[in-house]
PDB file of N, CA and C in Angstrom:
ATOM      1  N   UNK A   1       0.880  -1.170   0.018  1.00  0.00           N
ATOM      2  CA  UNK A   1       0.038  -0.023   0.026  1.00  0.00           C
ATOM      3  C   UNK A   1       0.955   1.258  -0.030  1.00  0.00           C
ATOM      4  N   UNK A   2       1.655   1.312  -1.039  1.00  0.00           N
ATOM      5  CA  UNK A   2       2.514   2.550  -1.173  1.00  0.00           C
ATOM      6  C   UNK A   2       1.645   3.773  -1.340  1.00  0.00           C
ATOM      7  N   UNK A   3       1.790   4.662  -0.506  1.00  0.00           N
ATOM      8  CA  UNK A   3       0.948   5.907  -0.410  1.00  0.00           C
ATOM      9  C   UNK A   3       1.490   6.917  -1.433  1.00  0.00           C
ATOM     10  N   UNK A   4       0.463   7.541  -2.271  1.00  0.00           N
ATOM     11  CA  UNK A   4       0.922   8.526  -3.163  1.00  0.00           C
ATOM     12  C   UNK A   4       0.437   9.821  -2.642  1.00  0.00           C
ATOM     13  N   UNK A   5      -0.401   9.879  -1.461  1.00  0.00           N
ATOM     14  CA  UNK A   5      -0.944  11.087  -0.938  1.00  0.00           C
ATOM     15  C   UNK A   5       0.003  11.655   0.143  1.00  0.00           C
ATOM     16  N   UNK A   6      -0.571  12.554   0.819  1.00  0.00           N
ATOM     17  CA  UNK A   6       0.251  13.178   1.962  1.00  0.00           C
ATOM     18  C   UNK A   6      -0.083  12.656   3.200  1.00  0.00           C
ATOM     19  N   UNK A   7      -0.705  11.505   3.382  1.00  0.00           N
ATOM     20  CA  UNK A   7      -1.112  10.792   4.612  1.00  0.00           C
ATOM     21  C   UNK A   7       0.234  10.454   5.267  1.00  0.00           C
ATOM     22  N   UNK A   8       0.226  10.462   6.605  1.00  0.00           N
ATOM     23  CA  UNK A   8       1.479  10.035   7.382  1.00  0.00           C
ATOM     24  C   UNK A   8       1.954   8.561   6.905  1.00  0.00           C
ATOM     25  N   UNK A   9       3.300   8.435   6.744  1.00  0.00           N
ATOM     26  CA  UNK A   9       3.696   7.285   6.121  1.00  0.00           C
ATOM     27  C   UNK A   9       5.169   6.971   6.862  1.00  0.00           C
ATOM     28  N   UNK A  10       5.425   5.621   6.793  1.00  0.00           N
ATOM     29  CA  UNK A  10       6.715   5.063   6.944  1.00  0.00           C
ATOM     30  C   UNK A  10       7.541   5.449   5.699  1.00  0.00           C
ATOM     31  N   UNK A  11       8.662   6.145   5.934  1.00  0.00           N
ATOM     32  CA  UNK A  11       9.523   6.320   4.767  1.00  0.00           C
ATOM     33  C   UNK A  11      10.489   5.289   4.457  1.00  0.00           C
ATOM     34  N   UNK A  12      10.512   4.709   3.382  1.00  0.00           N
ATOM     35  CA  UNK A  12      11.418   3.703   2.913  1.00  0.00           C
ATOM     36  C   UNK A  12      12.469   4.209   1.961  1.00  0.00           C
ATOM     37  N   UNK A  13      13.640   4.236   2.238  1.00  0.00           N
ATOM     38  CA  UNK A  13      14.723   4.622   1.293  1.00  0.00           C
ATOM     39  C   UNK A  13      15.400   3.488   0.620  1.00  0.00           C
ATOM     40  N   UNK A  14      15.270   3.549  -0.633  1.00  0.00           N
ATOM     41  CA  UNK A  14      15.902   2.320  -1.432  1.00  0.00           C
ATOM     42  C   UNK A  14      17.253   2.960  -1.887  1.00  0.00           C
ATOM     43  N   UNK A  15      18.320   2.250  -1.555  1.00  0.00           N
ATOM     44  CA  UNK A  15      19.654   2.637  -2.002  1.00  0.00           C
ATOM     45  C   UNK A  15      20.027   1.802  -3.257  1.00  0.00           C
ATOM     46  N   UNK A  16      20.156   2.358  -4.369  1.00  0.00           N
ATOM     47  CA  UNK A  16      20.360   1.503  -5.558  1.00  0.00           C
ATOM     48  C   UNK A  16      19.040   1.043  -6.041  1.00  0.00           C
ATOM     49  N   UNK A  17      19.148  -0.265  -6.621  1.00  0.00           N
ATOM     50  CA  UNK A  17      17.930  -0.862  -7.162  1.00  0.00           C
ATOM     51  C   UNK A  17      17.718  -2.252  -6.443  1.00  0.00           C
ATOM     52  N   UNK A  18      17.010  -2.180  -5.162  1.00  0.00           N
ATOM     53  CA  UNK A  18      16.936  -3.445  -4.349  1.00  0.00           C
ATOM     54  C   UNK A  18      15.542  -3.550  -3.750  1.00  0.00           C
ATOM     55  N   UNK A  19      14.479  -2.646  -4.071  1.00  0.00           N
ATOM     56  CA  UNK A  19      13.334  -2.779  -3.462  1.00  0.00           C
ATOM     57  C   UNK A  19      12.503  -4.213  -3.651  1.00  0.00           C
ATOM     58  N   UNK A  20      12.752  -4.708  -4.711  1.00  0.00           N
ATOM     59  CA  UNK A  20      12.059  -6.068  -5.072  1.00  0.00           C
ATOM     60  C   UNK A  20      12.563  -7.181  -4.029  1.00  0.00           C
ATOM     61  N   UNK A  21      13.878  -6.992  -3.695  1.00  0.00           N
ATOM     62  CA  UNK A  21      14.471  -8.099  -2.773  1.00  0.00           C
ATOM     63  C   UNK A  21      13.730  -8.088  -1.563  1.00  0.00           C
ATOM     64  N   UNK A  22      13.316  -6.950  -1.095  1.00  0.00           N
ATOM     65  CA  UNK A  22      12.677  -6.664   0.299  1.00  0.00           C
ATOM     66  C   UNK A  22      11.191  -6.745   0.245  1.00  0.00           C
ATOM     67  N   UNK A  23      10.510  -7.195  -0.777  1.00  0.00           N
ATOM     68  CA  UNK A  23       9.015  -7.145  -0.876  1.00  0.00           C
ATOM     69  C   UNK A  23       8.335  -7.543   0.280  1.00  0.00           C
ATOM     70  N   UNK A  24       8.879  -8.621   0.992  1.00  0.00           N
ATOM     71  CA  UNK A  24       8.221  -9.261   2.099  1.00  0.00           C
ATOM     72  C   UNK A  24       8.098  -8.274   3.259  1.00  0.00           C
ATOM     73  N   UNK A  25       9.097  -7.447   3.367  1.00  0.00           N
ATOM     74  CA  UNK A  25       8.947  -6.391   4.462  1.00  0.00           C
ATOM     75  C   UNK A  25       7.851  -5.463   4.169  1.00  0.00           C
ATOM     76  N   UNK A  26       7.861  -5.073   2.929  1.00  0.00           N
ATOM     77  CA  UNK A  26       6.759  -4.051   2.565  1.00  0.00           C
ATOM     78  C   UNK A  26       5.389  -4.698   2.817  1.00  0.00           C
ATOM     79  N   UNK A  27       5.230  -5.969   2.329  1.00  0.00           N
ATOM     80  CA  UNK A  27       3.977  -6.805   2.654  1.00  0.00           C
ATOM     81  C   UNK A  27       3.745  -6.790   4.075  1.00  0.00           C
ATOM     82  N   UNK A  28       4.637  -6.957   4.981  1.00  0.00           N
ATOM     83  CA  UNK A  28       4.428  -6.997   6.562  1.00  0.00           C
ATOM     84  C   UNK A  28       3.881  -5.586   6.983  1.00  0.00           C
ATOM     85  N   UNK A  29       4.494  -4.626   6.460  1.00  0.00           N
ATOM     86  CA  UNK A  29       3.934  -3.233   6.822  1.00  0.00           C
ATOM     87  C   UNK A  29       2.413  -3.027   6.358  1.00  0.00           C
ATOM     88  N   UNK A  30       2.209  -3.436   5.114  1.00  0.00           N
ATOM     89  CA  UNK A  30       0.892  -3.397   4.591  1.00  0.00           C
ATOM     90  C   UNK A  30      -0.031  -4.245   5.356  1.00  0.00           C
ATOM     91  N   UNK A  31       0.448  -5.438   5.763  1.00  0.00           N
ATOM     92  CA  UNK A  31      -0.472  -6.315   6.547  1.00  0.00           C
ATOM     93  C   UNK A  31      -0.940  -5.614   7.827  1.00  0.00           C
ATOM     94  N   UNK A  32      -0.073  -4.801   8.295  1.00  0.00           N
ATOM     95  CA  UNK A  32      -0.597  -4.160   9.729  1.00  0.00           C
ATOM     96  C   UNK A  32      -1.313  -2.847   9.329  1.00  0.00           C
ATOM     97  N   UNK A  33      -1.621  -2.561   8.114  1.00  0.00           N
ATOM     98  CA  UNK A  33      -2.403  -1.303   7.774  1.00  0.00           C
ATOM     99  C   UNK A  33      -1.733   0.007   7.855  1.00  0.00           C
ATOM    100  N   UNK A  34      -0.373  -0.047   7.781  1.00  0.00           N
ATOM    101  CA  UNK A  34       0.302   1.403   7.908  1.00  0.00           C
ATOM    102  C   UNK A  34       0.740   1.663   6.486  1.00  0.00           C
ATOM    103  N   UNK A  35       0.503   2.907   5.931  1.00  0.00           N
ATOM    104  CA  UNK A  35       1.078   3.273   4.701  1.00  0.00           C
ATOM    105  C   UNK A  35       2.596   3.572   4.773  1.00  0.00           C
ATOM    106  N   UNK A  36       3.087   3.378   3.481  1.00  0.00           N
ATOM    107  CA  UNK A  36       4.506   3.682   3.422  1.00  0.00           C
ATOM    108  C   UNK A  36       4.705   4.352   2.029  1.00  0.00           C
ATOM    109  N   UNK A  37       5.869   5.013   2.022  1.00  0.00           N
ATOM    110  CA  UNK A  37       6.258   5.673   0.665  1.00  0.00           C
ATOM    111  C   UNK A  37       7.707   5.270   0.439  1.00  0.00           C
ATOM    112  N   UNK A  38       8.041   5.049  -0.813  1.00  0.00           N
ATOM    113  CA  UNK A  38       9.460   4.645  -1.172  1.00  0.00           C
ATOM    114  C   UNK A  38      10.158   5.889  -1.931  1.00  0.00           C
ATOM    115  N   UNK A  39      11.247   6.071  -1.440  1.00  0.00           N
ATOM    116  CA  UNK A  39      12.141   7.058  -2.047  1.00  0.00           C
ATOM    117  C   UNK A  39      13.365   6.384  -2.515  1.00  0.00           C
ATOM    118  N   UNK A  40      13.875   6.856  -3.660  1.00  0.00           N
ATOM    119  CA  UNK A  40      15.044   6.209  -4.249  1.00  0.00           C
ATOM    120  C   UNK A  40      16.298   7.216  -4.071  1.00  0.00           C
ATOM    121  N   UNK A  41      17.445   6.741  -3.771  1.00  0.00           N
ATOM    122  CA  UNK A  41      18.647   7.454  -3.826  1.00  0.00           C
ATOM    123  C   UNK A  41      19.836   6.611  -4.593  1.00  0.00           C
ATOM    124  N   UNK A  42      20.637   7.042  -5.202  1.00  0.00           N
ATOM    125  CA  UNK A  42      21.596   6.179  -5.878  1.00  0.00           C
ATOM    126  C   UNK A  42      22.676   5.581  -4.979  1.00  0.00           C
ATOM    127  N   UNK A  43      23.009   6.215  -3.934  1.00  0.00           N
ATOM    128  CA  UNK A  43      23.955   5.617  -3.062  1.00  0.00           C
ATOM    129  C   UNK A  43      23.859   6.266  -1.556  1.00  0.00           C
ATOM    130  N   UNK A  44      24.448   5.594  -0.671  1.00  0.00           N
ATOM    131  CA  UNK A  44      24.403   6.288   0.739  1.00  0.00           C
ATOM    132  C   UNK A  44      24.798   5.166   1.689  1.00  0.00           C
ATOM    133  N   UNK A  45      24.927   5.641   2.938  1.00  0.00           N
ATOM    134  CA  UNK A  45      25.379   4.840   4.027  1.00  0.00           C
ATOM    135  C   UNK A  45      23.957   4.208   4.703  1.00  0.00           C
ATOM    136  N   UNK A  46      23.701   3.128   4.806  1.00  0.00           N
ATOM    137  CA  UNK A  46      22.496   2.539   5.100  1.00  0.00           C
ATOM    138  C   UNK A  46      21.826   2.867   6.438  1.00  0.00           C
ATOM    139  N   UNK A  47      22.646   3.013   7.509  1.00  0.00           N
ATOM    140  CA  UNK A  47      22.221   3.254   8.836  1.00  0.00           C
ATOM    141  C   UNK A  47      21.700   4.725   8.886  1.00  0.00           C
ATOM    142  N   UNK A  48      22.622   5.606   8.407  1.00  0.00           N
ATOM    143  CA  UNK A  48      22.296   6.976   8.319  1.00  0.00           C
ATOM    144  C   UNK A  48      21.086   7.318   7.447  1.00  0.00           C
ATOM    145  N   UNK A  49      21.012   6.596   6.391  1.00  0.00           N
ATOM    146  CA  UNK A  49      19.815   6.664   5.435  1.00  0.00           C
ATOM    147  C   UNK A  49      18.477   6.266   6.074  1.00  0.00           C
ATOM    148  N   UNK A  50      18.381   5.232   6.891  1.00  0.00           N
ATOM    149  CA  UNK A  50      17.359   4.845   7.711  1.00  0.00           C
ATOM    150  C   UNK A  50      16.987   5.919   8.767  1.00  0.00           C
ATOM    151  N   UNK A  51      17.972   6.496   9.381  1.00  0.00           N
ATOM    152  CA  UNK A  51      17.641   7.465  10.401  1.00  0.00           C
ATOM    153  C   UNK A  51      17.160   8.655   9.848  1.00  0.00           C
ATOM    154  N   UNK A  52      17.710   9.050   8.661  1.00  0.00           N
ATOM    155  CA  UNK A  52      17.103  10.287   7.907  1.00  0.00           C
ATOM    156  C   UNK A  52      15.681  10.022   7.501  1.00  0.00           C
ATOM    157  N   UNK A  53      15.488   8.723   7.166  1.00  0.00           N
ATOM    158  CA  UNK A  53      14.081   8.397   6.718  1.00  0.00           C
ATOM    159  C   UNK A  53      13.087   8.554   7.947  1.00  0.00           C
ATOM    160  N   UNK A  54      13.524   8.125   9.031  1.00  0.00           N
ATOM    161  CA  UNK A  54      12.761   8.282  10.178  1.00  0.00           C
ATOM    162  C   UNK A  54      12.478   9.639  10.540  1.00  0.00           C
ATOM    163  N   UNK A  55      13.547  10.540  10.282  1.00  0.00           N
ATOM    164  CA  UNK A  55      13.400  11.967  10.618  1.00  0.00           C
ATOM    165  C   UNK A  55      12.369  12.589   9.611  1.00  0.00           C
ATOM    166  N   UNK A  56      12.228  12.024   8.399  1.00  0.00           N
ATOM    167  CA  UNK A  56      11.271  12.598   7.406  1.00  0.00           C
ATOM    168  C   UNK A  56       9.899  12.034   7.537  1.00  0.00           C
ATOM    169  N   UNK A  57       9.792  11.016   8.269  1.00  0.00           N
ATOM    170  CA  UNK A  57       8.502  10.352   8.524  1.00  0.00           C
ATOM    171  C   UNK A  57       7.655  11.036   9.721  1.00  0.00           C
ATOM    172  N   UNK A  58       6.380  11.368   9.425  1.00  0.00           N
ATOM    173  CA  UNK A  58       5.548  11.878  10.494  1.00  0.00           C
ATOM    174  C   UNK A  58       5.252  10.753  11.449  1.00  0.00           C
ATOM    175  N   UNK A  59       5.478   9.502  11.154  1.00  0.00           N
ATOM    176  CA  UNK A  59       5.301   8.372  11.935  1.00  0.00           C
ATOM    177  C   UNK A  59       6.521   8.014  12.739  1.00  0.00           C
ATOM    178  N   UNK A  60       7.615   8.645  12.606  1.00  0.00           N
ATOM    179  CA  UNK A  60       8.897   8.643  13.280  1.00  0.00           C
ATOM    180  C   UNK A  60       9.612   7.283  12.961  1.00  0.00           C
ATOM    181  N   UNK A  61       9.112   6.441  11.971  1.00  0.00           N
ATOM    182  CA  UNK A  61       9.854   5.207  11.592  1.00  0.00           C
ATOM    183  C   UNK A  61      10.440   5.299  10.272  1.00  0.00           C
ATOM    184  N   UNK A  62      11.712   5.026  10.031  1.00  0.00           N
ATOM    185  CA  UNK A  62      12.310   5.013   8.680  1.00  0.00           C
ATOM    186  C   UNK A  62      13.020   3.720   8.450  1.00  0.00           C
ATOM    187  N   UNK A  63      13.033   3.370   7.161  1.00  0.00           N
ATOM    188  CA  UNK A  63      13.658   2.087   6.657  1.00  0.00           C
ATOM    189  C   UNK A  63      14.699   2.471   5.496  1.00  0.00           C
ATOM    190  N   UNK A  64      15.726   1.822   5.559  1.00  0.00           N
ATOM    191  CA  UNK A  64      16.666   1.972   4.466  1.00  0.00           C
ATOM    192  C   UNK A  64      17.146   0.510   3.885  1.00  0.00           C
ATOM    193  N   UNK A  65      17.333   0.327   2.743  1.00  0.00           N
ATOM    194  CA  UNK A  65      17.700  -1.049   2.239  1.00  0.00           C
ATOM    195  C   UNK A  65      18.641  -0.754   1.167  1.00  0.00           C
ATOM    196  N   UNK A  66      19.642  -1.761   0.979  1.00  0.00           N
ATOM    197  CA  UNK A  66      20.454  -1.960  -0.209  1.00  0.00           C
ATOM    198  C   UNK A  66      20.383  -3.410  -0.595  1.00  0.00           C
ATOM    199  N   UNK A  67      21.332  -3.835  -1.310  1.00  0.00           N
ATOM    200  CA  UNK A  67      21.315  -5.309  -1.700  1.00  0.00           C
ATOM    201  C   UNK A  67      21.535  -6.274  -0.754  1.00  0.00           C
ATOM    202  N   UNK A  68      22.348  -5.822   0.288  1.00  0.00           N
ATOM    203  CA  UNK A  68      22.802  -6.741   1.357  1.00  0.00           C
ATOM    204  C   UNK A  68      21.981  -6.722   2.697  1.00  0.00           C
ATOM    205  N   UNK A  69      21.435  -5.601   3.039  1.00  0.00           N
ATOM    206  CA  UNK A  69      20.800  -5.349   4.298  1.00  0.00           C
ATOM    207  C   UNK A  69      19.591  -4.474   4.282  1.00  0.00           C
ATOM    208  N   UNK A  70      18.786  -4.540   5.219  1.00  0.00           N
ATOM    209  CA  UNK A  70      17.707  -3.725   5.583  1.00  0.00           C
ATOM    210  C   UNK A  70      17.709  -3.163   6.924  1.00  0.00           C
ATOM    211  N   UNK A  71      17.542  -1.861   7.219  1.00  0.00           N
ATOM    212  CA  UNK A  71      17.608  -1.308   8.561  1.00  0.00           C
ATOM    213  C   UNK A  71      16.331  -0.496   8.887  1.00  0.00           C
ATOM    214  N   UNK A  72      15.787  -0.944  10.074  1.00  0.00           N
ATOM    215  CA  UNK A  72      14.617  -0.208  10.583  1.00  0.00           C
ATOM    216  C   UNK A  72      15.105   0.616  11.593  1.00  0.00           C
ATOM    217  N   UNK A  73      14.734   1.986  11.573  1.00  0.00           N
ATOM    218  CA  UNK A  73      15.159   3.001  12.549  1.00  0.00           C
ATOM    219  C   UNK A  73      13.979   3.759  13.126  1.00  0.00           C
ATOM    220  N   UNK A  74      14.232   4.252  14.416  1.00  0.00           N
ATOM    221  CA  UNK A  74      13.156   5.068  15.044  1.00  0.00           C
ATOM    222  C   UNK A  74      13.871   6.512  15.330  1.00  0.00           C
ATOM    223  N   UNK A  75      13.051   7.504  15.007  1.00  0.00           N
ATOM    224  CA  UNK A  75      13.599   8.887  15.169  1.00  0.00           C
ATOM    225  C   UNK A  75      14.183   9.088  16.516  1.00  0.00           C
ATOM    226  N   UNK A  76      13.516   8.504  17.641  1.00  0.00           N
ATOM    227  CA  UNK A  76      13.999   8.861  18.973  1.00  0.00           C
ATOM    228  C   UNK A  76      15.126   8.109  19.539  1.00  0.00           C
ATOM    229  N   UNK A  77      15.671   7.225  18.505  1.00  0.00           N
ATOM    230  CA  UNK A  77      16.952   6.412  18.921  1.00  0.00           C
ATOM    231  C   UNK A  77      18.226   7.198  18.468  1.00  0.00           C
ATOM    232  N   UNK A  78      19.329   7.045  19.054  1.00  0.00           N
ATOM    233  CA  UNK A  78      20.544   7.541  18.621  1.00  0.00           C
ATOM    234  C   UNK A  78      20.772   7.204  17.066  1.00  0.00           C
ATOM    235  N   UNK A  79      21.354   8.134  16.233  1.00  0.00           N
ATOM    236  CA  UNK A  79      21.487   7.841  14.928  1.00  0.00           C
ATOM    237  C   UNK A  79      22.242   6.546  14.629  1.00  0.00           C
ATOM    238  N   UNK A  80      23.239   6.215  15.431  1.00  0.00           N
ATOM    239  CA  UNK A  80      24.074   5.093  15.270  1.00  0.00           C
ATOM    240  C   UNK A  80      23.451   3.787  15.693  1.00  0.00           C
ATOM    241  N   UNK A  81      22.220   3.837  16.319  1.00  0.00           N
ATOM    242  CA  UNK A  81      21.605   2.541  16.942  1.00  0.00           C
ATOM    243  C   UNK A  81      20.390   2.115  16.312  1.00  0.00           C
ATOM    244  N   UNK A  82      20.293   1.552  15.188  1.00  0.00           N
ATOM    245  CA  UNK A  82      19.024   1.232  14.562  1.00  0.00           C
ATOM    246  C   UNK A  82      18.239   0.203  15.463  1.00  0.00           C
ATOM    247  N   UNK A  83      17.006   0.200  15.260  1.00  0.00           N
ATOM    248  CA  UNK A  83      16.129  -0.806  15.913  1.00  0.00           C
ATOM    249  C   UNK A  83      16.366  -2.221  15.455  1.00  0.00           C
ATOM    250  N   UNK A  84      16.252  -2.384  14.135  1.00  0.00           N
ATOM    251  CA  UNK A  84      16.346  -3.842  13.506  1.00  0.00           C
ATOM    252  C   UNK A  84      17.263  -3.716  12.357  1.00  0.00           C
ATOM    253  N   UNK A  85      17.931  -4.778  12.236  1.00  0.00           N
ATOM    254  CA  UNK A  85      18.869  -5.060  11.114  1.00  0.00           C
ATOM    255  C   UNK A  85      18.542  -6.427  10.530  1.00  0.00           C
ATOM    256  N   UNK A  86      18.259  -6.442   9.258  1.00  0.00           N
ATOM    257  CA  UNK A  86      17.948  -7.685   8.454  1.00  0.00           C
ATOM    258  C   UNK A  86      18.875  -7.931   7.280  1.00  0.00           C
ATOM    259  N   UNK A  87      19.565  -9.092   7.339  1.00  0.00           N
ATOM    260  CA  UNK A  87      20.435  -9.407   6.296  1.00  0.00           C
ATOM    261  C   UNK A  87      19.729 -10.062   5.213  1.00  0.00           C
ATOM    262  N   UNK A  88      20.384 -10.051   3.935  1.00  0.00           N
ATOM    263  CA  UNK A  88      19.828 -10.539   2.784  1.00  0.00           C
ATOM    264  C   UNK A  88      19.595 -12.021   2.854  1.00  0.00           C
ATOM    265  N   UNK A  89      20.350 -12.729   3.597  1.00  0.00           N
ATOM    266  CA  UNK A  89      20.284 -14.268   3.619  1.00  0.00           C
ATOM    267  C   UNK A  89      18.966 -14.684   4.533  1.00  0.00           C
ATOM    268  N   UNK A  90      18.353 -13.693   5.318  1.00  0.00           N
ATOM    269  CA  UNK A  90      17.263 -14.105   6.212  1.00  0.00           C
ATOM    270  C   UNK A  90      16.100 -14.472   5.399  1.00  0.00           C
ATOM    271  N   UNK A  91      15.296 -15.449   5.827  1.00  0.00           N
ATOM    272  CA  UNK A  91      14.159 -16.030   5.191  1.00  0.00           C
ATOM    273  C   UNK A  91      12.949 -15.030   5.058  1.00  0.00           C
ATOM    274  N   UNK A  92      12.087 -15.298   4.290  1.00  0.00           N
ATOM    275  CA  UNK A  92      10.881 -14.545   4.076  1.00  0.00           C
ATOM    276  C   UNK A  92       9.998 -14.366   5.350  1.00  0.00           C
ATOM    277  N   UNK A  93      10.050 -15.287   6.242  1.00  0.00           N
ATOM    278  CA  UNK A  93       9.263 -15.080   7.560  1.00  0.00           C
ATOM    279  C   UNK A  93       9.888 -14.069   8.237  1.00  0.00           C
ATOM    280  N   UNK A  94      11.276 -13.995   8.395  1.00  0.00           N
ATOM    281  CA  UNK A  94      12.042 -12.918   9.148  1.00  0.00           C
ATOM    282  C   UNK A  94      11.666 -11.679   8.453  1.00  0.00           C
ATOM    283  N   UNK A  95      11.644 -11.495   7.099  1.00  0.00           N
ATOM    284  CA  UNK A  95      11.385 -10.381   6.489  1.00  0.00           C
ATOM    285  C   UNK A  95       9.954  -9.791   6.690  1.00  0.00           C
ATOM    286  N   UNK A  96       9.034 -10.789   6.566  1.00  0.00           N
ATOM    287  CA  UNK A  96       7.546 -10.240   6.829  1.00  0.00           C
ATOM    288  C   UNK A  96       7.469  -9.738   8.371  1.00  0.00           C
ATOM    289  N   UNK A  97       8.077 -10.502   9.296  1.00  0.00           N
ATOM    290  CA  UNK A  97       8.022 -10.036  10.702  1.00  0.00           C
ATOM    291  C   UNK A  97       8.697  -8.668  10.845  1.00  0.00           C
ATOM    292  N   UNK A  98       9.770  -8.433  10.233  1.00  0.00           N
ATOM    293  CA  UNK A  98      10.423  -7.154  10.307  1.00  0.00           C
ATOM    294  C   UNK A  98       9.424  -5.980   9.857  1.00  0.00           C
ATOM    295  N   UNK A  99       8.800  -6.263   8.722  1.00  0.00           N
ATOM    296  CA  UNK A  99       7.757  -5.267   8.241  1.00  0.00           C
ATOM    297  C   UNK A  99       6.616  -5.142   9.254  1.00  0.00           C
ATOM    298  N   UNK A 100       6.098  -6.215   9.782  1.00  0.00           N
ATOM    299  CA  UNK A 100       5.065  -6.169  10.859  1.00  0.00           C
ATOM    300  C   UNK A 100       5.494  -5.342  11.996  1.00  0.00           C
ATOM    301  N   UNK A 101       6.718  -5.643  12.390  1.00  0.00           N
ATOM    302  CA  UNK A 101       7.230  -4.890  13.636  1.00  0.00           C
ATOM    303  C   UNK A 101       7.595  -3.358  13.384  1.00  0.00           C
ATOM    304  N   UNK A 102       7.940  -3.085  12.241  1.00  0.00           N
ATOM    305  CA  UNK A 102       8.059  -1.658  11.793  1.00  0.00           C
ATOM    306  C   UNK A 102       6.777  -0.963  12.065  1.00  0.00           C
ATOM    307  N   UNK A 103       5.645  -1.653  11.500  1.00  0.00           N
ATOM    308  CA  UNK A 103       4.291  -1.026  11.559  1.00  0.00           C
ATOM    309  C   UNK A 103       3.787  -1.169  13.024  1.00  0.00           C
ATOM    310  N   UNK A 104       4.169  -2.127  13.736  1.00  0.00           N
ATOM    311  CA  UNK A 104       3.655  -2.145  15.114  1.00  0.00           C
ATOM    312  C   UNK A 104       4.271  -1.161  16.021  1.00  0.00           C
ATOM    313  N   UNK A 105       5.465  -0.675  15.608  1.00  0.00           N
ATOM    314  CA  UNK A 105       6.030   0.373  16.359  1.00  0.00           C
ATOM    315  C   UNK A 105       5.180   1.624  16.308  1.00  0.00           C
ATOM    316  N   UNK A 106       4.770   1.775  15.026  1.00  0.00           N
ATOM    317  CA  UNK A 106       3.870   2.990  14.766  1.00  0.00           C
ATOM    318  C   UNK A 106       2.653   2.856  15.549  1.00  0.00           C
ATOM    319  N   UNK A 107       2.060   1.715  15.648  1.00  0.00           N
ATOM    320  CA  UNK A 107       0.795   1.542  16.296  1.00  0.00           C
ATOM    321  C   UNK A 107       0.922   1.420  17.830  1.00  0.00           C
ATOM    322  N   UNK A 108       2.138   1.205  18.340  1.00  0.00           N
ATOM    323  CA  UNK A 108       2.463   1.090  19.710  1.00  0.00           C
ATOM    324  C   UNK A 108       1.947  -0.168  20.377  1.00  0.00           C
ATOM    325  N   UNK A 109       2.034  -1.271  19.574  1.00  0.00           N
ATOM    326  CA  UNK A 109       1.662  -2.543  20.122  1.00  0.00           C
ATOM    327  C   UNK A 109       2.800  -3.393  20.157  1.00  0.00           C
ATOM    328  N   UNK A 110       2.830  -4.608  20.869  1.00  0.00           N
ATOM    329  CA  UNK A 110       4.062  -5.379  21.048  1.00  0.00           C
ATOM    330  C   UNK A 110       4.522  -5.974  19.628  1.00  0.00           C
ATOM    331  N   UNK A 111       5.770  -6.209  19.512  1.00  0.00           N
ATOM    332  CA  UNK A 111       6.350  -6.822  18.364  1.00  0.00           C
ATOM    333  C   UNK A 111       5.924  -8.244  18.189  1.00  0.00           C
ATOM    334  N   UNK A 112       5.975  -8.754  16.961  1.00  0.00           N
ATOM    335  CA  UNK A 112       5.934 -10.222  16.740  1.00  0.00           C
ATOM    336  C   UNK A 112       7.261 -10.798  16.900  1.00  0.00           C
ATOM    337  N   UNK A 113       7.422 -11.886  17.496  1.00  0.00           N
ATOM    338  CA  UNK A 113       8.739 -12.553  17.631  1.00  0.00           C
ATOM    339  C   UNK A 113       8.885 -13.398  16.401  1.00  0.00           C
ATOM    340  N   UNK A 114      10.132 -13.637  15.947  1.00  0.00           N
ATOM    341  CA  UNK A 114      10.526 -14.442  15.010  1.00  0.00           C
ATOM    342  C   UNK A 114      11.825 -15.182  15.166  1.00  0.00           C
ATOM    343  N   UNK A 115      12.155 -16.147  14.570  1.00  0.00           N
ATOM    344  CA  UNK A 115      13.428 -16.851  14.922  1.00  0.00           C
ATOM    345  C   UNK A 115      13.991 -16.971  13.508  1.00  0.00           C
ATOM    346  N   UNK A 116      15.341 -16.686  13.333  1.00  0.00           N
ATOM    347  CA  UNK A 116      15.988 -16.587  12.281  1.00  0.00           C
ATOM    348  C   UNK A 116      17.064 -17.676  12.171  1.00  0.00           C
TER     349      UNK A 116
END
């Protein structure tokens, strides 16, 4: 449910061309009913990009991804301490749960547990 409107969204920063690799994360966010928007940048440092995305998000949650890793950040955390880190080799269940948990942070409800 990528939002085209000005509704509050989780901001997802795609570094390079990698968003299809992380589709399960986006489906997890959508499953929880929270809108997101994707912005593209050609290059960047992933943790900083996730923190900057959180700063841009009215919902205070930002995500950045590249070919190797996906980071979920929360605006109220120190820039160098992301909330979740997901590596490319983790399975679809871990990816979906990470998306669920990013959305649950917005909703203020407990995270789903997953085992990788």
